[in-house]
Amino acid sequence: ICIARALVLRPKLLVADEPVSALD
């Protein structure tokens, strides 16, 4: 969902801050 929120504007740059550290 967080990625979808970032993607909805069709940005050129996406900054991912520790995108999987809170996940299994």
PDBML (XML) file of the C-alpha atoms, coordinates in Angstrom:
<?xml version="1.0" encoding="UTF-8" ?>
<PDBx:datablock datablockName="MODEL"
   xmlns:PDBx="http://pdbml.pdb.org/schema/pdbx-v50.xsd"
   xmlns:xsi="http://www.w3.org/2001/XMLSchema-instance"
   xsi:schemaLocation="http://pdbml.pdb.org/schema/pdbx-v50.xsd pdbx-v50.xsd">
   <PDBx:atom_siteCategory>
      <PDBx:atom_site id="1">
         <PDBx:B_iso_or_equiv>0.00</PDBx:B_iso_or_equiv>
         <PDBx:Cartn_x>0.000</PDBx:Cartn_x>
         <PDBx:Cartn_y>0.000</PDBx:Cartn_y>
         <PDBx:Cartn_z>0.000</PDBx:Cartn_z>
         <PDBx:auth_asym_id>A</PDBx:auth_asym_id>
         <PDBx:auth_atom_id>CA</PDBx:auth_atom_id>
         <PDBx:auth_comp_id>ILE</PDBx:auth_comp_id>
         <PDBx:auth_seq_id>1</PDBx:auth_seq_id>
         <PDBx:group_PDB>ATOM</PDBx:group_PDB>
         <PDBx:label_alt_id xsi:nil="true" />
         <PDBx:label_asym_id>A</PDBx:label_asym_id>
         <PDBx:label_atom_id>CA</PDBx:label_atom_id>
         <PDBx:label_comp_id>ILE</PDBx:label_comp_id>
         <PDBx:label_entity_id>1</PDBx:label_entity_id>
         <PDBx:label_seq_id>1</PDBx:label_seq_id>
         <PDBx:occupancy>1.00</PDBx:occupancy>
         <PDBx:pdbx_PDB_model_num>1</PDBx:pdbx_PDB_model_num>
         <PDBx:type_symbol>C</PDBx:type_symbol>
      </PDBx:atom_site>
      <PDBx:atom_site id="2">
         <PDBx:B_iso_or_equiv>0.00</PDBx:B_iso_or_equiv>
         <PDBx:Cartn_x>2.849</PDBx:Cartn_x>
         <PDBx:Cartn_y>2.370</PDBx:Cartn_y>
         <PDBx:Cartn_z>0.856</PDBx:Cartn_z>
         <PDBx:auth_asym_id>A</PDBx:auth_asym_id>
         <PDBx:auth_atom_id>CA</PDBx:auth_atom_id>
         <PDBx:auth_comp_id>CYS</PDBx:auth_comp_id>
         <PDBx:auth_seq_id>2</PDBx:auth_seq_id>
         <PDBx:group_PDB>ATOM</PDBx:group_PDB>
         <PDBx:label_alt_id xsi:nil="true" />
         <PDBx:label_asym_id>A</PDBx:label_asym_id>
         <PDBx:label_atom_id>CA</PDBx:label_atom_id>
         <PDBx:label_comp_id>CYS</PDBx:label_comp_id>
         <PDBx:label_entity_id>1</PDBx:label_entity_id>
         <PDBx:label_seq_id>2</PDBx:label_seq_id>
         <PDBx:occupancy>1.00</PDBx:occupancy>
         <PDBx:pdbx_PDB_model_num>1</PDBx:pdbx_PDB_model_num>
         <PDBx:type_symbol>C</PDBx:type_symbol>
      </PDBx:atom_site>
      <PDBx:atom_site id="3">
         <PDBx:B_iso_or_equiv>0.00</PDBx:B_iso_or_equiv>
         <PDBx:Cartn_x>4.463</PDBx:Cartn_x>
         <PDBx:Cartn_y>1.638</PDBx:Cartn_y>
         <PDBx:Cartn_z>-2.498</PDBx:Cartn_z>
         <PDBx:auth_asym_id>A</PDBx:auth_asym_id>
         <PDBx:auth_atom_id>CA</PDBx:auth_atom_id>
         <PDBx:auth_comp_id>ILE</PDBx:auth_comp_id>
         <PDBx:auth_seq_id>3</PDBx:auth_seq_id>
         <PDBx:group_PDB>ATOM</PDBx:group_PDB>
         <PDBx:label_alt_id xsi:nil="true" />
         <PDBx:label_asym_id>A</PDBx:label_asym_id>
         <PDBx:label_atom_id>CA</PDBx:label_atom_id>
         <PDBx:label_comp_id>ILE</PDBx:label_comp_id>
         <PDBx:label_entity_id>1</PDBx:label_entity_id>
         <PDBx:label_seq_id>3</PDBx:label_seq_id>
         <PDBx:occupancy>1.00</PDBx:occupancy>
         <PDBx:pdbx_PDB_model_num>1</PDBx:pdbx_PDB_model_num>
         <PDBx:type_symbol>C</PDBx:type_symbol>
      </PDBx:atom_site>
      <PDBx:atom_site id="4">
         <PDBx:B_iso_or_equiv>0.00</PDBx:B_iso_or_equiv>
         <PDBx:Cartn_x>1.133</PDBx:Cartn_x>
         <PDBx:Cartn_y>2.214</PDBx:Cartn_y>
         <PDBx:Cartn_z>-4.285</PDBx:Cartn_z>
         <PDBx:auth_asym_id>A</PDBx:auth_asym_id>
         <PDBx:auth_atom_id>CA</PDBx:auth_atom_id>
         <PDBx:auth_comp_id>ALA</PDBx:auth_comp_id>
         <PDBx:auth_seq_id>4</PDBx:auth_seq_id>
         <PDBx:group_PDB>ATOM</PDBx:group_PDB>
         <PDBx:label_alt_id xsi:nil="true" />
         <PDBx:label_asym_id>A</PDBx:label_asym_id>
         <PDBx:label_atom_id>CA</PDBx:label_atom_id>
         <PDBx:label_comp_id>ALA</PDBx:label_comp_id>
         <PDBx:label_entity_id>1</PDBx:label_entity_id>
         <PDBx:label_seq_id>4</PDBx:label_seq_id>
         <PDBx:occupancy>1.00</PDBx:occupancy>
         <PDBx:pdbx_PDB_model_num>1</PDBx:pdbx_PDB_model_num>
         <PDBx:type_symbol>C</PDBx:type_symbol>
      </PDBx:atom_site>
      <PDBx:atom_site id="5">
         <PDBx:B_iso_or_equiv>0.00</PDBx:B_iso_or_equiv>
         <PDBx:Cartn_x>0.808</PDBx:Cartn_x>
         <PDBx:Cartn_y>5.591</PDBx:Cartn_y>
         <PDBx:Cartn_z>-2.541</PDBx:Cartn_z>
         <PDBx:auth_asym_id>A</PDBx:auth_asym_id>
         <PDBx:auth_atom_id>CA</PDBx:auth_atom_id>
         <PDBx:auth_comp_id>ARG</PDBx:auth_comp_id>
         <PDBx:auth_seq_id>5</PDBx:auth_seq_id>
         <PDBx:group_PDB>ATOM</PDBx:group_PDB>
         <PDBx:label_alt_id xsi:nil="true" />
         <PDBx:label_asym_id>A</PDBx:label_asym_id>
         <PDBx:label_atom_id>CA</PDBx:label_atom_id>
         <PDBx:label_comp_id>ARG</PDBx:label_comp_id>
         <PDBx:label_entity_id>1</PDBx:label_entity_id>
         <PDBx:label_seq_id>5</PDBx:label_seq_id>
         <PDBx:occupancy>1.00</PDBx:occupancy>
         <PDBx:pdbx_PDB_model_num>1</PDBx:pdbx_PDB_model_num>
         <PDBx:type_symbol>C</PDBx:type_symbol>
      </PDBx:atom_site>
      <PDBx:atom_site id="6">
         <PDBx:B_iso_or_equiv>0.00</PDBx:B_iso_or_equiv>
         <PDBx:Cartn_x>4.282</PDBx:Cartn_x>
         <PDBx:Cartn_y>6.546</PDBx:Cartn_y>
         <PDBx:Cartn_z>-3.764</PDBx:Cartn_z>
         <PDBx:auth_asym_id>A</PDBx:auth_asym_id>
         <PDBx:auth_atom_id>CA</PDBx:auth_atom_id>
         <PDBx:auth_comp_id>ALA</PDBx:auth_comp_id>
         <PDBx:auth_seq_id>6</PDBx:auth_seq_id>
         <PDBx:group_PDB>ATOM</PDBx:group_PDB>
         <PDBx:label_alt_id xsi:nil="true" />
         <PDBx:label_asym_id>A</PDBx:label_asym_id>
         <PDBx:label_atom_id>CA</PDBx:label_atom_id>
         <PDBx:label_comp_id>ALA</PDBx:label_comp_id>
         <PDBx:label_entity_id>1</PDBx:label_entity_id>
         <PDBx:label_seq_id>6</PDBx:label_seq_id>
         <PDBx:occupancy>1.00</PDBx:occupancy>
         <PDBx:pdbx_PDB_model_num>1</PDBx:pdbx_PDB_model_num>
         <PDBx:type_symbol>C</PDBx:type_symbol>
      </PDBx:atom_site>
      <PDBx:atom_site id="7">
         <PDBx:B_iso_or_equiv>0.00</PDBx:B_iso_or_equiv>
         <PDBx:Cartn_x>3.625</PDBx:Cartn_x>
         <PDBx:Cartn_y>5.188</PDBx:Cartn_y>
         <PDBx:Cartn_z>-7.250</PDBx:Cartn_z>
         <PDBx:auth_asym_id>A</PDBx:auth_asym_id>
         <PDBx:auth_atom_id>CA</PDBx:auth_atom_id>
         <PDBx:auth_comp_id>LEU</PDBx:auth_comp_id>
         <PDBx:auth_seq_id>7</PDBx:auth_seq_id>
         <PDBx:group_PDB>ATOM</PDBx:group_PDB>
         <PDBx:label_alt_id xsi:nil="true" />
         <PDBx:label_asym_id>A</PDBx:label_asym_id>
         <PDBx:label_atom_id>CA</PDBx:label_atom_id>
         <PDBx:label_comp_id>LEU</PDBx:label_comp_id>
         <PDBx:label_entity_id>1</PDBx:label_entity_id>
         <PDBx:label_seq_id>7</PDBx:label_seq_id>
         <PDBx:occupancy>1.00</PDBx:occupancy>
         <PDBx:pdbx_PDB_model_num>1</PDBx:pdbx_PDB_model_num>
         <PDBx:type_symbol>C</PDBx:type_symbol>
      </PDBx:atom_site>
      <PDBx:atom_site id="8">
         <PDBx:B_iso_or_equiv>0.00</PDBx:B_iso_or_equiv>
         <PDBx:Cartn_x>0.264</PDBx:Cartn_x>
         <PDBx:Cartn_y>6.867</PDBx:Cartn_y>
         <PDBx:Cartn_z>-7.861</PDBx:Cartn_z>
         <PDBx:auth_asym_id>A</PDBx:auth_asym_id>
         <PDBx:auth_atom_id>CA</PDBx:auth_atom_id>
         <PDBx:auth_comp_id>VAL</PDBx:auth_comp_id>
         <PDBx:auth_seq_id>8</PDBx:auth_seq_id>
         <PDBx:group_PDB>ATOM</PDBx:group_PDB>
         <PDBx:label_alt_id xsi:nil="true" />
         <PDBx:label_asym_id>A</PDBx:label_asym_id>
         <PDBx:label_atom_id>CA</PDBx:label_atom_id>
         <PDBx:label_comp_id>VAL</PDBx:label_comp_id>
         <PDBx:label_entity_id>1</PDBx:label_entity_id>
         <PDBx:label_seq_id>8</PDBx:label_seq_id>
         <PDBx:occupancy>1.00</PDBx:occupancy>
         <PDBx:pdbx_PDB_model_num>1</PDBx:pdbx_PDB_model_num>
         <PDBx:type_symbol>C</PDBx:type_symbol>
      </PDBx:atom_site>
      <PDBx:atom_site id="9">
         <PDBx:B_iso_or_equiv>0.00</PDBx:B_iso_or_equiv>
         <PDBx:Cartn_x>1.903</PDBx:Cartn_x>
         <PDBx:Cartn_y>10.135</PDBx:Cartn_y>
         <PDBx:Cartn_z>-9.005</PDBx:Cartn_z>
         <PDBx:auth_asym_id>A</PDBx:auth_asym_id>
         <PDBx:auth_atom_id>CA</PDBx:auth_atom_id>
         <PDBx:auth_comp_id>LEU</PDBx:auth_comp_id>
         <PDBx:auth_seq_id>9</PDBx:auth_seq_id>
         <PDBx:group_PDB>ATOM</PDBx:group_PDB>
         <PDBx:label_alt_id xsi:nil="true" />
         <PDBx:label_asym_id>A</PDBx:label_asym_id>
         <PDBx:label_atom_id>CA</PDBx:label_atom_id>
         <PDBx:label_comp_id>LEU</PDBx:label_comp_id>
         <PDBx:label_entity_id>1</PDBx:label_entity_id>
         <PDBx:label_seq_id>9</PDBx:label_seq_id>
         <PDBx:occupancy>1.00</PDBx:occupancy>
         <PDBx:pdbx_PDB_model_num>1</PDBx:pdbx_PDB_model_num>
         <PDBx:type_symbol>C</PDBx:type_symbol>
      </PDBx:atom_site>
      <PDBx:atom_site id="10">
         <PDBx:B_iso_or_equiv>0.00</PDBx:B_iso_or_equiv>
         <PDBx:Cartn_x>4.121</PDBx:Cartn_x>
         <PDBx:Cartn_y>8.241</PDBx:Cartn_y>
         <PDBx:Cartn_z>-11.466</PDBx:Cartn_z>
         <PDBx:auth_asym_id>A</PDBx:auth_asym_id>
         <PDBx:auth_atom_id>CA</PDBx:auth_atom_id>
         <PDBx:auth_comp_id>ARG</PDBx:auth_comp_id>
         <PDBx:auth_seq_id>10</PDBx:auth_seq_id>
         <PDBx:group_PDB>ATOM</PDBx:group_PDB>
         <PDBx:label_alt_id xsi:nil="true" />
         <PDBx:label_asym_id>A</PDBx:label_asym_id>
         <PDBx:label_atom_id>CA</PDBx:label_atom_id>
         <PDBx:label_comp_id>ARG</PDBx:label_comp_id>
         <PDBx:label_entity_id>1</PDBx:label_entity_id>
         <PDBx:label_seq_id>10</PDBx:label_seq_id>
         <PDBx:occupancy>1.00</PDBx:occupancy>
         <PDBx:pdbx_PDB_model_num>1</PDBx:pdbx_PDB_model_num>
         <PDBx:type_symbol>C</PDBx:type_symbol>
      </PDBx:atom_site>
      <PDBx:atom_site id="11">
         <PDBx:B_iso_or_equiv>0.00</PDBx:B_iso_or_equiv>
         <PDBx:Cartn_x>7.314</PDBx:Cartn_x>
         <PDBx:Cartn_y>9.776</PDBx:Cartn_y>
         <PDBx:Cartn_z>-10.027</PDBx:Cartn_z>
         <PDBx:auth_asym_id>A</PDBx:auth_asym_id>
         <PDBx:auth_atom_id>CA</PDBx:auth_atom_id>
         <PDBx:auth_comp_id>PRO</PDBx:auth_comp_id>
         <PDBx:auth_seq_id>11</PDBx:auth_seq_id>
         <PDBx:group_PDB>ATOM</PDBx:group_PDB>
         <PDBx:label_alt_id xsi:nil="true" />
         <PDBx:label_asym_id>A</PDBx:label_asym_id>
         <PDBx:label_atom_id>CA</PDBx:label_atom_id>
         <PDBx:label_comp_id>PRO</PDBx:label_comp_id>
         <PDBx:label_entity_id>1</PDBx:label_entity_id>
         <PDBx:label_seq_id>11</PDBx:label_seq_id>
         <PDBx:occupancy>1.00</PDBx:occupancy>
         <PDBx:pdbx_PDB_model_num>1</PDBx:pdbx_PDB_model_num>
         <PDBx:type_symbol>C</PDBx:type_symbol>
      </PDBx:atom_site>
      <PDBx:atom_site id="12">
         <PDBx:B_iso_or_equiv>0.00</PDBx:B_iso_or_equiv>
         <PDBx:Cartn_x>10.690</PDBx:Cartn_x>
         <PDBx:Cartn_y>9.596</PDBx:Cartn_y>
         <PDBx:Cartn_z>-11.700</PDBx:Cartn_z>
         <PDBx:auth_asym_id>A</PDBx:auth_asym_id>
         <PDBx:auth_atom_id>CA</PDBx:auth_atom_id>
         <PDBx:auth_comp_id>LYS</PDBx:auth_comp_id>
         <PDBx:auth_seq_id>12</PDBx:auth_seq_id>
         <PDBx:group_PDB>ATOM</PDBx:group_PDB>
         <PDBx:label_alt_id xsi:nil="true" />
         <PDBx:label_asym_id>A</PDBx:label_asym_id>
         <PDBx:label_atom_id>CA</PDBx:label_atom_id>
         <PDBx:label_comp_id>LYS</PDBx:label_comp_id>
         <PDBx:label_entity_id>1</PDBx:label_entity_id>
         <PDBx:label_seq_id>12</PDBx:label_seq_id>
         <PDBx:occupancy>1.00</PDBx:occupancy>
         <PDBx:pdbx_PDB_model_num>1</PDBx:pdbx_PDB_model_num>
         <PDBx:type_symbol>C</PDBx:type_symbol>
      </PDBx:atom_site>
      <PDBx:atom_site id="13">
         <PDBx:B_iso_or_equiv>0.00</PDBx:B_iso_or_equiv>
         <PDBx:Cartn_x>12.561</PDBx:Cartn_x>
         <PDBx:Cartn_y>8.947</PDBx:Cartn_y>
         <PDBx:Cartn_z>-8.419</PDBx:Cartn_z>
         <PDBx:auth_asym_id>A</PDBx:auth_asym_id>
         <PDBx:auth_atom_id>CA</PDBx:auth_atom_id>
         <PDBx:auth_comp_id>LEU</PDBx:auth_comp_id>
         <PDBx:auth_seq_id>13</PDBx:auth_seq_id>
         <PDBx:group_PDB>ATOM</PDBx:group_PDB>
         <PDBx:label_alt_id xsi:nil="true" />
         <PDBx:label_asym_id>A</PDBx:label_asym_id>
         <PDBx:label_atom_id>CA</PDBx:label_atom_id>
         <PDBx:label_comp_id>LEU</PDBx:label_comp_id>
         <PDBx:label_entity_id>1</PDBx:label_entity_id>
         <PDBx:label_seq_id>13</PDBx:label_seq_id>
         <PDBx:occupancy>1.00</PDBx:occupancy>
         <PDBx:pdbx_PDB_model_num>1</PDBx:pdbx_PDB_model_num>
         <PDBx:type_symbol>C</PDBx:type_symbol>
      </PDBx:atom_site>
      <PDBx:atom_site id="14">
         <PDBx:B_iso_or_equiv>0.00</PDBx:B_iso_or_equiv>
         <PDBx:Cartn_x>11.493</PDBx:Cartn_x>
         <PDBx:Cartn_y>6.649</PDBx:Cartn_y>
         <PDBx:Cartn_z>-5.599</PDBx:Cartn_z>
         <PDBx:auth_asym_id>A</PDBx:auth_asym_id>
         <PDBx:auth_atom_id>CA</PDBx:auth_atom_id>
         <PDBx:auth_comp_id>LEU</PDBx:auth_comp_id>
         <PDBx:auth_seq_id>14</PDBx:auth_seq_id>
         <PDBx:group_PDB>ATOM</PDBx:group_PDB>
         <PDBx:label_alt_id xsi:nil="true" />
         <PDBx:label_asym_id>A</PDBx:label_asym_id>
         <PDBx:label_atom_id>CA</PDBx:label_atom_id>
         <PDBx:label_comp_id>LEU</PDBx:label_comp_id>
         <PDBx:label_entity_id>1</PDBx:label_entity_id>
         <PDBx:label_seq_id>14</PDBx:label_seq_id>
         <PDBx:occupancy>1.00</PDBx:occupancy>
         <PDBx:pdbx_PDB_model_num>1</PDBx:pdbx_PDB_model_num>
         <PDBx:type_symbol>C</PDBx:type_symbol>
      </PDBx:atom_site>
      <PDBx:atom_site id="15">
         <PDBx:B_iso_or_equiv>0.00</PDBx:B_iso_or_equiv>
         <PDBx:Cartn_x>13.419</PDBx:Cartn_x>
         <PDBx:Cartn_y>6.740</PDBx:Cartn_y>
         <PDBx:Cartn_z>-2.323</PDBx:Cartn_z>
         <PDBx:auth_asym_id>A</PDBx:auth_asym_id>
         <PDBx:auth_atom_id>CA</PDBx:auth_atom_id>
         <PDBx:auth_comp_id>VAL</PDBx:auth_comp_id>
         <PDBx:auth_seq_id>15</PDBx:auth_seq_id>
         <PDBx:group_PDB>ATOM</PDBx:group_PDB>
         <PDBx:label_alt_id xsi:nil="true" />
         <PDBx:label_asym_id>A</PDBx:label_asym_id>
         <PDBx:label_atom_id>CA</PDBx:label_atom_id>
         <PDBx:label_comp_id>VAL</PDBx:label_comp_id>
         <PDBx:label_entity_id>1</PDBx:label_entity_id>
         <PDBx:label_seq_id>15</PDBx:label_seq_id>
         <PDBx:occupancy>1.00</PDBx:occupancy>
         <PDBx:pdbx_PDB_model_num>1</PDBx:pdbx_PDB_model_num>
         <PDBx:type_symbol>C</PDBx:type_symbol>
      </PDBx:atom_site>
      <PDBx:atom_site id="16">
         <PDBx:B_iso_or_equiv>0.00</PDBx:B_iso_or_equiv>
         <PDBx:Cartn_x>13.021</PDBx:Cartn_x>
         <PDBx:Cartn_y>3.553</PDBx:Cartn_y>
         <PDBx:Cartn_z>-0.268</PDBx:Cartn_z>
         <PDBx:auth_asym_id>A</PDBx:auth_asym_id>
         <PDBx:auth_atom_id>CA</PDBx:auth_atom_id>
         <PDBx:auth_comp_id>ALA</PDBx:auth_comp_id>
         <PDBx:auth_seq_id>16</PDBx:auth_seq_id>
         <PDBx:group_PDB>ATOM</PDBx:group_PDB>
         <PDBx:label_alt_id xsi:nil="true" />
         <PDBx:label_asym_id>A</PDBx:label_asym_id>
         <PDBx:label_atom_id>CA</PDBx:label_atom_id>
         <PDBx:label_comp_id>ALA</PDBx:label_comp_id>
         <PDBx:label_entity_id>1</PDBx:label_entity_id>
         <PDBx:label_seq_id>16</PDBx:label_seq_id>
         <PDBx:occupancy>1.00</PDBx:occupancy>
         <PDBx:pdbx_PDB_model_num>1</PDBx:pdbx_PDB_model_num>
         <PDBx:type_symbol>C</PDBx:type_symbol>
      </PDBx:atom_site>
      <PDBx:atom_site id="17">
         <PDBx:B_iso_or_equiv>0.00</PDBx:B_iso_or_equiv>
         <PDBx:Cartn_x>14.225</PDBx:Cartn_x>
         <PDBx:Cartn_y>3.848</PDBx:Cartn_y>
         <PDBx:Cartn_z>3.332</PDBx:Cartn_z>
         <PDBx:auth_asym_id>A</PDBx:auth_asym_id>
         <PDBx:auth_atom_id>CA</PDBx:auth_atom_id>
         <PDBx:auth_comp_id>ASP</PDBx:auth_comp_id>
         <PDBx:auth_seq_id>17</PDBx:auth_seq_id>
         <PDBx:group_PDB>ATOM</PDBx:group_PDB>
         <PDBx:label_alt_id xsi:nil="true" />
         <PDBx:label_asym_id>A</PDBx:label_asym_id>
         <PDBx:label_atom_id>CA</PDBx:label_atom_id>
         <PDBx:label_comp_id>ASP</PDBx:label_comp_id>
         <PDBx:label_entity_id>1</PDBx:label_entity_id>
         <PDBx:label_seq_id>17</PDBx:label_seq_id>
         <PDBx:occupancy>1.00</PDBx:occupancy>
         <PDBx:pdbx_PDB_model_num>1</PDBx:pdbx_PDB_model_num>
         <PDBx:type_symbol>C</PDBx:type_symbol>
      </PDBx:atom_site>
      <PDBx:atom_site id="18">
         <PDBx:B_iso_or_equiv>0.00</PDBx:B_iso_or_equiv>
         <PDBx:Cartn_x>14.851</PDBx:Cartn_x>
         <PDBx:Cartn_y>0.321</PDBx:Cartn_y>
         <PDBx:Cartn_z>4.683</PDBx:Cartn_z>
         <PDBx:auth_asym_id>A</PDBx:auth_asym_id>
         <PDBx:auth_atom_id>CA</PDBx:auth_atom_id>
         <PDBx:auth_comp_id>GLU</PDBx:auth_comp_id>
         <PDBx:auth_seq_id>18</PDBx:auth_seq_id>
         <PDBx:group_PDB>ATOM</PDBx:group_PDB>
         <PDBx:label_alt_id xsi:nil="true" />
         <PDBx:label_asym_id>A</PDBx:label_asym_id>
         <PDBx:label_atom_id>CA</PDBx:label_atom_id>
         <PDBx:label_comp_id>GLU</PDBx:label_comp_id>
         <PDBx:label_entity_id>1</PDBx:label_entity_id>
         <PDBx:label_seq_id>18</PDBx:label_seq_id>
         <PDBx:occupancy>1.00</PDBx:occupancy>
         <PDBx:pdbx_PDB_model_num>1</PDBx:pdbx_PDB_model_num>
         <PDBx:type_symbol>C</PDBx:type_symbol>
      </PDBx:atom_site>
      <PDBx:atom_site id="19">
         <PDBx:B_iso_or_equiv>0.00</PDBx:B_iso_or_equiv>
         <PDBx:Cartn_x>11.828</PDBx:Cartn_x>
         <PDBx:Cartn_y>-0.970</PDBx:Cartn_y>
         <PDBx:Cartn_z>2.716</PDBx:Cartn_z>
         <PDBx:auth_asym_id>A</PDBx:auth_asym_id>
         <PDBx:auth_atom_id>CA</PDBx:auth_atom_id>
         <PDBx:auth_comp_id>PRO</PDBx:auth_comp_id>
         <PDBx:auth_seq_id>19</PDBx:auth_seq_id>
         <PDBx:group_PDB>ATOM</PDBx:group_PDB>
         <PDBx:label_alt_id xsi:nil="true" />
         <PDBx:label_asym_id>A</PDBx:label_asym_id>
         <PDBx:label_atom_id>CA</PDBx:label_atom_id>
         <PDBx:label_comp_id>PRO</PDBx:label_comp_id>
         <PDBx:label_entity_id>1</PDBx:label_entity_id>
         <PDBx:label_seq_id>19</PDBx:label_seq_id>
         <PDBx:occupancy>1.00</PDBx:occupancy>
         <PDBx:pdbx_PDB_model_num>1</PDBx:pdbx_PDB_model_num>
         <PDBx:type_symbol>C</PDBx:type_symbol>
      </PDBx:atom_site>
      <PDBx:atom_site id="20">
         <PDBx:B_iso_or_equiv>0.00</PDBx:B_iso_or_equiv>
         <PDBx:Cartn_x>11.973</PDBx:Cartn_x>
         <PDBx:Cartn_y>-4.554</PDBx:Cartn_y>
         <PDBx:Cartn_z>4.033</PDBx:Cartn_z>
         <PDBx:auth_asym_id>A</PDBx:auth_asym_id>
         <PDBx:auth_atom_id>CA</PDBx:auth_atom_id>
         <PDBx:auth_comp_id>VAL</PDBx:auth_comp_id>
         <PDBx:auth_seq_id>20</PDBx:auth_seq_id>
         <PDBx:group_PDB>ATOM</PDBx:group_PDB>
         <PDBx:label_alt_id xsi:nil="true" />
         <PDBx:label_asym_id>A</PDBx:label_asym_id>
         <PDBx:label_atom_id>CA</PDBx:label_atom_id>
         <PDBx:label_comp_id>VAL</PDBx:label_comp_id>
         <PDBx:label_entity_id>1</PDBx:label_entity_id>
         <PDBx:label_seq_id>20</PDBx:label_seq_id>
         <PDBx:occupancy>1.00</PDBx:occupancy>
         <PDBx:pdbx_PDB_model_num>1</PDBx:pdbx_PDB_model_num>
         <PDBx:type_symbol>C</PDBx:type_symbol>
      </PDBx:atom_site>
      <PDBx:atom_site id="21">
         <PDBx:B_iso_or_equiv>0.00</PDBx:B_iso_or_equiv>
         <PDBx:Cartn_x>13.647</PDBx:Cartn_x>
         <PDBx:Cartn_y>-4.287</PDBx:Cartn_y>
         <PDBx:Cartn_z>7.442</PDBx:Cartn_z>
         <PDBx:auth_asym_id>A</PDBx:auth_asym_id>
         <PDBx:auth_atom_id>CA</PDBx:auth_atom_id>
         <PDBx:auth_comp_id>SER</PDBx:auth_comp_id>
         <PDBx:auth_seq_id>21</PDBx:auth_seq_id>
         <PDBx:group_PDB>ATOM</PDBx:group_PDB>
         <PDBx:label_alt_id xsi:nil="true" />
         <PDBx:label_asym_id>A</PDBx:label_asym_id>
         <PDBx:label_atom_id>CA</PDBx:label_atom_id>
         <PDBx:label_comp_id>SER</PDBx:label_comp_id>
         <PDBx:label_entity_id>1</PDBx:label_entity_id>
         <PDBx:label_seq_id>21</PDBx:label_seq_id>
         <PDBx:occupancy>1.00</PDBx:occupancy>
         <PDBx:pdbx_PDB_model_num>1</PDBx:pdbx_PDB_model_num>
         <PDBx:type_symbol>C</PDBx:type_symbol>
      </PDBx:atom_site>
      <PDBx:atom_site id="22">
         <PDBx:B_iso_or_equiv>0.00</PDBx:B_iso_or_equiv>
         <PDBx:Cartn_x>10.306</PDBx:Cartn_x>
         <PDBx:Cartn_y>-4.490</PDBx:Cartn_y>
         <PDBx:Cartn_z>9.302</PDBx:Cartn_z>
         <PDBx:auth_asym_id>A</PDBx:auth_asym_id>
         <PDBx:auth_atom_id>CA</PDBx:auth_atom_id>
         <PDBx:auth_comp_id>ALA</PDBx:auth_comp_id>
         <PDBx:auth_seq_id>22</PDBx:auth_seq_id>
         <PDBx:group_PDB>ATOM</PDBx:group_PDB>
         <PDBx:label_alt_id xsi:nil="true" />
         <PDBx:label_asym_id>A</PDBx:label_asym_id>
         <PDBx:label_atom_id>CA</PDBx:label_atom_id>
         <PDBx:label_comp_id>ALA</PDBx:label_comp_id>
         <PDBx:label_entity_id>1</PDBx:label_entity_id>
         <PDBx:label_seq_id>22</PDBx:label_seq_id>
         <PDBx:occupancy>1.00</PDBx:occupancy>
         <PDBx:pdbx_PDB_model_num>1</PDBx:pdbx_PDB_model_num>
         <PDBx:type_symbol>C</PDBx:type_symbol>
      </PDBx:atom_site>
      <PDBx:atom_site id="23">
         <PDBx:B_iso_or_equiv>0.00</PDBx:B_iso_or_equiv>
         <PDBx:Cartn_x>9.204</PDBx:Cartn_x>
         <PDBx:Cartn_y>-7.598</PDBx:Cartn_y>
         <PDBx:Cartn_z>7.367</PDBx:Cartn_z>
         <PDBx:auth_asym_id>A</PDBx:auth_asym_id>
         <PDBx:auth_atom_id>CA</PDBx:auth_atom_id>
         <PDBx:auth_comp_id>LEU</PDBx:auth_comp_id>
         <PDBx:auth_seq_id>23</PDBx:auth_seq_id>
         <PDBx:group_PDB>ATOM</PDBx:group_PDB>
         <PDBx:label_alt_id xsi:nil="true" />
         <PDBx:label_asym_id>A</PDBx:label_asym_id>
         <PDBx:label_atom_id>CA</PDBx:label_atom_id>
         <PDBx:label_comp_id>LEU</PDBx:label_comp_id>
         <PDBx:label_entity_id>1</PDBx:label_entity_id>
         <PDBx:label_seq_id>23</PDBx:label_seq_id>
         <PDBx:occupancy>1.00</PDBx:occupancy>
         <PDBx:pdbx_PDB_model_num>1</PDBx:pdbx_PDB_model_num>
         <PDBx:type_symbol>C</PDBx:type_symbol>
      </PDBx:atom_site>
      <PDBx:atom_site id="24">
         <PDBx:B_iso_or_equiv>0.00</PDBx:B_iso_or_equiv>
         <PDBx:Cartn_x>9.880</PDBx:Cartn_x>
         <PDBx:Cartn_y>-11.326</PDBx:Cartn_y>
         <PDBx:Cartn_z>7.578</PDBx:Cartn_z>
         <PDBx:auth_asym_id>A</PDBx:auth_asym_id>
         <PDBx:auth_atom_id>CA</PDBx:auth_atom_id>
         <PDBx:auth_comp_id>ASP</PDBx:auth_comp_id>
         <PDBx:auth_seq_id>24</PDBx:auth_seq_id>
         <PDBx:group_PDB>ATOM</PDBx:group_PDB>
         <PDBx:label_alt_id xsi:nil="true" />
         <PDBx:label_asym_id>A</PDBx:label_asym_id>
         <PDBx:label_atom_id>CA</PDBx:label_atom_id>
         <PDBx:label_comp_id>ASP</PDBx:label_comp_id>
         <PDBx:label_entity_id>1</PDBx:label_entity_id>
         <PDBx:label_seq_id>24</PDBx:label_seq_id>
         <PDBx:occupancy>1.00</PDBx:occupancy>
         <PDBx:pdbx_PDB_model_num>1</PDBx:pdbx_PDB_model_num>
         <PDBx:type_symbol>C</PDBx:type_symbol>
      </PDBx:atom_site>
   </PDBx:atom_siteCategory>
</PDBx:datablock>
